[in-house]
PDB file of N, CA and C in Angstrom:
ATOM      1  N   UNK A   1       0.841  -1.189   0.000  1.00  0.00           N
ATOM      2  CA  UNK A   1       0.000   0.000   0.000  1.00  0.00           C
ATOM      3  C   UNK A   1       0.886   1.252   0.000  1.00  0.00           C
ATOM      4  N   UNK A   2       0.452   2.238  -0.745  1.00  0.00           N
ATOM      5  CA  UNK A   2       1.150   3.521  -0.763  1.00  0.00           C
ATOM      6  C   UNK A   2       0.169   4.622  -0.373  1.00  0.00           C
ATOM      7  N   UNK A   3       0.700   5.694   0.157  1.00  0.00           N
ATOM      8  CA  UNK A   3      -0.114   6.855   0.504  1.00  0.00           C
ATOM      9  C   UNK A   3       0.033   7.897  -0.586  1.00  0.00           C
ATOM     10  N   UNK A   4      -1.099   8.368  -1.075  1.00  0.00           N
ATOM     11  CA  UNK A   4      -1.126   9.482  -2.009  1.00  0.00           C
ATOM     12  C   UNK A   4      -2.127  10.500  -1.481  1.00  0.00           C
ATOM     13  N   UNK A   5      -2.161  11.657  -2.095  1.00  0.00           N
ATOM     14  CA  UNK A   5      -3.159  12.662  -1.777  1.00  0.00           C
ATOM     15  C   UNK A   5      -4.074  12.788  -2.987  1.00  0.00           C
ATOM     16  N   UNK A   6      -5.355  12.551  -2.794  1.00  0.00           N
ATOM     17  CA  UNK A   6      -6.343  12.707  -3.846  1.00  0.00           C
ATOM     18  C   UNK A   6      -7.205  13.893  -3.471  1.00  0.00           C
ATOM     19  N   UNK A   7      -7.079  14.972  -4.230  1.00  0.00           N
ATOM     20  CA  UNK A   7      -7.785  16.227  -3.926  1.00  0.00           C
ATOM     21  C   UNK A   7      -7.568  16.623  -2.463  1.00  0.00           C
ATOM     22  N   UNK A   8      -6.326  16.578  -2.029  1.00  0.00           N
ATOM     23  CA  UNK A   8      -5.883  16.994  -0.689  1.00  0.00           C
ATOM     24  C   UNK A   8      -6.315  16.064   0.443  1.00  0.00           C
ATOM     25  N   UNK A   9      -6.827  14.878   0.133  1.00  0.00           N
ATOM     26  CA  UNK A   9      -7.168  13.906   1.166  1.00  0.00           C
ATOM     27  C   UNK A   9      -6.268  12.690   1.015  1.00  0.00           C
ATOM     28  N   UNK A  10      -5.728  12.205   2.133  1.00  0.00           N
ATOM     29  CA  UNK A  10      -4.839  11.045   2.095  1.00  0.00           C
ATOM     30  C   UNK A  10      -5.639   9.808   1.700  1.00  0.00           C
ATOM     31  N   UNK A  11      -5.087   9.050   0.762  1.00  0.00           N
ATOM     32  CA  UNK A  11      -5.673   7.786   0.323  1.00  0.00           C
ATOM     33  C   UNK A  11      -4.604   6.710   0.457  1.00  0.00           C
ATOM     34  N   UNK A  12      -4.964   5.550   0.965  1.00  0.00           N
ATOM     35  CA  UNK A  12      -4.066   4.400   1.058  1.00  0.00           C
ATOM     36  C   UNK A  12      -4.464   3.460  -0.073  1.00  0.00           C
ATOM     37  N   UNK A  13      -3.595   3.308  -1.048  1.00  0.00           N
ATOM     38  CA  UNK A  13      -3.937   2.519  -2.240  1.00  0.00           C
ATOM     39  C   UNK A  13      -2.841   1.501  -2.524  1.00  0.00           C
ATOM     40  N   UNK A  14      -3.206   0.408  -3.207  1.00  0.00           N
ATOM     41  CA  UNK A  14      -2.152  -0.490  -3.691  1.00  0.00           C
ATOM     42  C   UNK A  14      -1.420   0.218  -4.833  1.00  0.00           C
ATOM     43  N   UNK A  15      -0.197  -0.151  -5.088  1.00  0.00           N
ATOM     44  CA  UNK A  15       0.521   0.434  -6.216  1.00  0.00           C
ATOM     45  C   UNK A  15      -0.298   0.159  -7.469  1.00  0.00           C
ATOM     46  N   UNK A  16      -0.618   1.184  -8.201  1.00  0.00           N
ATOM     47  CA  UNK A  16      -1.516   1.022  -9.343  1.00  0.00           C
ATOM     48  C   UNK A  16      -1.360   2.168 -10.324  1.00  0.00           C
ATOM     49  N   UNK A  17      -2.039   2.023 -11.435  1.00  0.00           N
ATOM     50  CA  UNK A  17      -2.023   3.074 -12.444  1.00  0.00           C
ATOM     51  C   UNK A  17      -3.049   4.148 -12.090  1.00  0.00           C
ATOM     52  N   UNK A  18      -2.877   5.291 -12.687  1.00  0.00           N
ATOM     53  CA  UNK A  18      -3.840   6.365 -12.528  1.00  0.00           C
ATOM     54  C   UNK A  18      -5.214   5.899 -12.991  1.00  0.00           C
ATOM     55  N   UNK A  19      -5.259   5.152 -14.059  1.00  0.00           N
ATOM     56  CA  UNK A  19      -6.527   4.633 -14.577  1.00  0.00           C
ATOM     57  C   UNK A  19      -7.273   3.834 -13.518  1.00  0.00           C
ATOM     58  N   UNK A  20      -6.555   2.962 -12.787  1.00  0.00           N
ATOM     59  CA  UNK A  20      -7.186   2.163 -11.736  1.00  0.00           C
ATOM     60  C   UNK A  20      -7.776   3.058 -10.650  1.00  0.00           C
ATOM     61  N   UNK A  21      -7.033   4.082 -10.247  1.00  0.00           N
ATOM     62  CA  UNK A  21      -7.521   5.002  -9.228  1.00  0.00           C
ATOM     63  C   UNK A  21      -8.790   5.707  -9.697  1.00  0.00           C
ATOM     64  N   UNK A  22      -8.799   6.144 -10.936  1.00  0.00           N
ATOM     65  CA  UNK A  22      -9.970   6.838 -11.476  1.00  0.00           C
ATOM     66  C   UNK A  22     -11.175   5.909 -11.533  1.00  0.00           C
ATOM     67  N   UNK A  23     -10.972   4.672 -11.923  1.00  0.00           N
ATOM     68  CA  UNK A  23     -12.080   3.717 -11.977  1.00  0.00           C
ATOM     69  C   UNK A  23     -12.629   3.441 -10.575  1.00  0.00           C
ATOM     70  N   UNK A  24     -11.751   3.280  -9.610  1.00  0.00           N
ATOM     71  CA  UNK A  24     -12.191   3.004  -8.236  1.00  0.00           C
ATOM     72  C   UNK A  24     -12.993   4.161  -7.649  1.00  0.00           C
ATOM     73  N   UNK A  25     -12.746   5.365  -8.144  1.00  0.00           N
ATOM     74  CA  UNK A  25     -13.449   6.545  -7.644  1.00  0.00           C
ATOM     75  C   UNK A  25     -14.519   7.039  -8.617  1.00  0.00           C
ATOM     76  N   UNK A  26     -14.885   6.210  -9.592  1.00  0.00           N
ATOM     77  CA  UNK A  26     -15.986   6.480 -10.532  1.00  0.00           C
ATOM     78  C   UNK A  26     -15.819   7.753 -11.353  1.00  0.00           C
ATOM     79  N   UNK A  27     -14.608   8.004 -11.812  1.00  0.00           N
ATOM     80  CA  UNK A  27     -14.360   9.191 -12.637  1.00  0.00           C
ATOM     81  C   UNK A  27     -14.293   8.894 -14.130  1.00  0.00           C
ATOM     82  N   UNK A  28     -14.497   7.678 -14.559  1.00  0.00           N
ATOM     83  CA  UNK A  28     -14.246   7.314 -15.950  1.00  0.00           C
ATOM     84  C   UNK A  28     -15.223   7.957 -16.940  1.00  0.00           C
ATOM     85  N   UNK A  29     -16.505   8.024 -16.641  1.00  0.00           N
ATOM     86  CA  UNK A  29     -17.489   8.527 -17.599  1.00  0.00           C
ATOM     87  C   UNK A  29     -17.827   9.999 -17.414  1.00  0.00           C
ATOM     88  N   UNK A  30     -16.957  10.743 -16.794  1.00  0.00           N
ATOM     89  CA  UNK A  30     -17.194  12.161 -16.554  1.00  0.00           C
ATOM     90  C   UNK A  30     -16.162  12.995 -17.307  1.00  0.00           C
ATOM     91  N   UNK A  31     -16.469  14.273 -17.425  1.00  0.00           N
ATOM     92  CA  UNK A  31     -15.504  15.218 -17.992  1.00  0.00           C
ATOM     93  C   UNK A  31     -14.668  15.757 -16.841  1.00  0.00           C
ATOM     94  N   UNK A  32     -13.364  15.632 -16.951  1.00  0.00           N
ATOM     95  CA  UNK A  32     -12.480  16.085 -15.893  1.00  0.00           C
ATOM     96  C   UNK A  32     -11.059  16.185 -16.430  1.00  0.00           C
ATOM     97  N   UNK A  33     -10.205  16.821 -15.663  1.00  0.00           N
ATOM     98  CA  UNK A  33      -8.774  16.881 -15.963  1.00  0.00           C
ATOM     99  C   UNK A  33      -8.034  16.372 -14.730  1.00  0.00           C
ATOM    100  N   UNK A  34      -6.842  15.819 -14.948  1.00  0.00           N
ATOM    101  CA  UNK A  34      -6.046  15.279 -13.855  1.00  0.00           C
ATOM    102  C   UNK A  34      -4.652  15.900 -13.876  1.00  0.00           C
ATOM    103  N   UNK A  35      -4.199  16.281 -12.690  1.00  0.00           N
ATOM    104  CA  UNK A  35      -2.821  16.743 -12.524  1.00  0.00           C
ATOM    105  C   UNK A  35      -2.184  15.919 -11.406  1.00  0.00           C
ATOM    106  N   UNK A  36      -0.946  15.512 -11.620  1.00  0.00           N
ATOM    107  CA  UNK A  36      -0.177  14.829 -10.580  1.00  0.00           C
ATOM    108  C   UNK A  36       1.021  15.718 -10.275  1.00  0.00           C
ATOM    109  N   UNK A  37       1.129  16.102  -9.016  1.00  0.00           N
ATOM    110  CA  UNK A  37       2.204  16.995  -8.585  1.00  0.00           C
ATOM    111  C   UNK A  37       2.269  18.249  -9.449  1.00  0.00           C
ATOM    112  N   UNK A  38       1.100  18.816  -9.708  1.00  0.00           N
ATOM    113  CA  UNK A  38       0.933  20.058 -10.476  1.00  0.00           C
ATOM    114  C   UNK A  38       1.291  19.938 -11.955  1.00  0.00           C
ATOM    115  N   UNK A  39       1.367  18.727 -12.473  1.00  0.00           N
ATOM    116  CA  UNK A  39       1.636  18.504 -13.900  1.00  0.00           C
ATOM    117  C   UNK A  39       0.411  17.845 -14.533  1.00  0.00           C
ATOM    118  N   UNK A  40      -0.137  18.471 -15.557  1.00  0.00           N
ATOM    119  CA  UNK A  40      -1.293  17.923 -16.250  1.00  0.00           C
ATOM    120  C   UNK A  40      -0.945  16.572 -16.864  1.00  0.00           C
ATOM    121  N   UNK A  41      -1.841  15.614 -16.722  1.00  0.00           N
ATOM    122  CA  UNK A  41      -1.659  14.285 -17.317  1.00  0.00           C
ATOM    123  C   UNK A  41      -2.658  14.160 -18.465  1.00  0.00           C
ATOM    124  N   UNK A  42      -2.169  13.852 -19.652  1.00  0.00           N
ATOM    125  CA  UNK A  42      -3.053  13.687 -20.797  1.00  0.00           C
ATOM    126  C   UNK A  42      -3.819  12.379 -20.679  1.00  0.00           C
ATOM    127  N   UNK A  43      -5.059  12.406 -21.097  1.00  0.00           N
ATOM    128  CA  UNK A  43      -5.946  11.242 -20.974  1.00  0.00           C
ATOM    129  C   UNK A  43      -5.316   9.984 -21.576  1.00  0.00           C
ATOM    130  N   UNK A  44      -4.603  10.111 -22.638  1.00  0.00           N
ATOM    131  CA  UNK A  44      -3.994   8.956 -23.294  1.00  0.00           C
ATOM    132  C   UNK A  44      -2.954   8.271 -22.395  1.00  0.00           C
ATOM    133  N   UNK A  45      -2.441   8.992 -21.401  1.00  0.00           N
ATOM    134  CA  UNK A  45      -1.411   8.443 -20.518  1.00  0.00           C
ATOM    135  C   UNK A  45      -1.969   7.859 -19.214  1.00  0.00           C
ATOM    136  N   UNK A  46      -3.276   7.884 -19.009  1.00  0.00           N
ATOM    137  CA  UNK A  46      -3.851   7.389 -17.755  1.00  0.00           C
ATOM    138  C   UNK A  46      -3.480   5.927 -17.489  1.00  0.00           C
ATOM    139  N   UNK A  47      -3.514   5.087 -18.512  1.00  0.00           N
ATOM    140  CA  UNK A  47      -3.215   3.652 -18.334  1.00  0.00           C
ATOM    141  C   UNK A  47      -1.763   3.398 -17.962  1.00  0.00           C
ATOM    142  N   UNK A  48      -0.862   4.224 -18.429  1.00  0.00           N
ATOM    143  CA  UNK A  48       0.570   3.964 -18.226  1.00  0.00           C
ATOM    144  C   UNK A  48       1.178   4.793 -17.094  1.00  0.00           C
ATOM    145  N   UNK A  49       0.402   5.690 -16.504  1.00  0.00           N
ATOM    146  CA  UNK A  49       0.903   6.521 -15.417  1.00  0.00           C
ATOM    147  C   UNK A  49       0.770   5.758 -14.100  1.00  0.00           C
ATOM    148  N   UNK A  50       1.904   5.460 -13.471  1.00  0.00           N
ATOM    149  CA  UNK A  50       1.937   4.739 -12.201  1.00  0.00           C
ATOM    150  C   UNK A  50       2.061   5.749 -11.061  1.00  0.00           C
ATOM    151  N   UNK A  51       1.245   5.568 -10.047  1.00  0.00           N
ATOM    152  CA  UNK A  51       1.270   6.461  -8.896  1.00  0.00           C
ATOM    153  C   UNK A  51       2.367   6.050  -7.926  1.00  0.00           C
ATOM    154  N   UNK A  52       3.047   7.035  -7.369  1.00  0.00           N
ATOM    155  CA  UNK A  52       4.149   6.825  -6.432  1.00  0.00           C
ATOM    156  C   UNK A  52       3.778   7.351  -5.055  1.00  0.00           C
ATOM    157  N   UNK A  53       4.409   6.834  -4.007  1.00  0.00           N
ATOM    158  CA  UNK A  53       4.121   7.330  -2.664  1.00  0.00           C
ATOM    159  C   UNK A  53       4.290   8.849  -2.585  1.00  0.00           C
ATOM    160  N   UNK A  54       3.314   9.502  -1.959  1.00  0.00           N
ATOM    161  CA  UNK A  54       3.372  10.942  -1.772  1.00  0.00           C
ATOM    162  C   UNK A  54       2.861  11.762  -2.946  1.00  0.00           C
ATOM    163  N   UNK A  55       2.482  11.115  -4.060  1.00  0.00           N
ATOM    164  CA  UNK A  55       1.956  11.873  -5.194  1.00  0.00           C
ATOM    165  C   UNK A  55       0.715  12.652  -4.780  1.00  0.00           C
ATOM    166  N   UNK A  56       0.593  13.831  -5.362  1.00  0.00           N
ATOM    167  CA  UNK A  56      -0.600  14.660  -5.158  1.00  0.00           C
ATOM    168  C   UNK A  56      -1.399  14.638  -6.450  1.00  0.00           C
ATOM    169  N   UNK A  57      -2.537  13.973  -6.391  1.00  0.00           N
ATOM    170  CA  UNK A  57      -3.407  13.819  -7.551  1.00  0.00           C
ATOM    171  C   UNK A  57      -4.580  14.780  -7.386  1.00  0.00           C
ATOM    172  N   UNK A  58      -4.729  15.668  -8.346  1.00  0.00           N
ATOM    173  CA  UNK A  58      -5.848  16.609  -8.336  1.00  0.00           C
ATOM    174  C   UNK A  58      -6.746  16.303  -9.521  1.00  0.00           C
ATOM    175  N   UNK A  59      -8.021  16.100  -9.232  1.00  0.00           N
ATOM    176  CA  UNK A  59      -9.012  15.864 -10.278  1.00  0.00           C
ATOM    177  C   UNK A  59      -9.893  17.098 -10.334  1.00  0.00           C
ATOM    178  N   UNK A  60      -9.899  17.728 -11.486  1.00  0.00           N
ATOM    179  CA  UNK A  60     -10.624  18.970 -11.668  1.00  0.00           C
ATOM    180  C   UNK A  60     -11.851  18.696 -12.528  1.00  0.00           C
ATOM    181  N   UNK A  61     -13.022  18.964 -11.971  1.00  0.00           N
ATOM    182  CA  UNK A  61     -14.281  18.717 -12.659  1.00  0.00           C
ATOM    183  C   UNK A  61     -14.923  20.071 -12.975  1.00  0.00           C
ATOM    184  N   UNK A  62     -15.321  20.291 -14.244  1.00  0.00           N
ATOM    185  CA  UNK A  62     -15.945  21.577 -14.584  1.00  0.00           C
ATOM    186  C   UNK A  62     -17.307  21.713 -13.889  1.00  0.00           C
ATOM    187  N   UNK A  63     -17.626  22.948 -13.502  1.00  0.00           N
ATOM    188  CA  UNK A  63     -18.905  23.214 -12.854  1.00  0.00           C
ATOM    189  C   UNK A  63     -19.623  24.321 -13.614  1.00  0.00           C
ATOM    190  N   UNK A  64     -20.935  24.211 -13.648  1.00  0.00           N
ATOM    191  CA  UNK A  64     -21.736  25.251 -14.274  1.00  0.00           C
ATOM    192  C   UNK A  64     -22.322  26.128 -13.191  1.00  0.00           C
ATOM    193  N   UNK A  65     -22.545  27.345 -13.539  1.00  0.00           N
ATOM    194  CA  UNK A  65     -23.155  28.247 -12.574  1.00  0.00           C
ATOM    195  C   UNK A  65     -23.330  29.613 -13.164  1.00  0.00           C
ATOM    196  N   UNK A  66     -23.846  30.454 -12.386  1.00  0.00           N
ATOM    197  CA  UNK A  66     -24.087  31.791 -12.910  1.00  0.00           C
ATOM    198  C   UNK A  66     -23.757  32.854 -11.929  1.00  0.00           C
TER     199      UNK A  66
END
């Protein structure tokens, strides 16, 4: 198990790809952007991006409003 930060909350996860993390948190069918350690990750790289201990994963979801 490794510790990462997902949207500023500590998560204890098995070593896995970013794609696995997104699936476990139900982000696959939504519009969103992902940054790891303040670096944007392109959607095509989700399967090959491996999370490391201490990574800060930010998932940004667009919101509508007025």
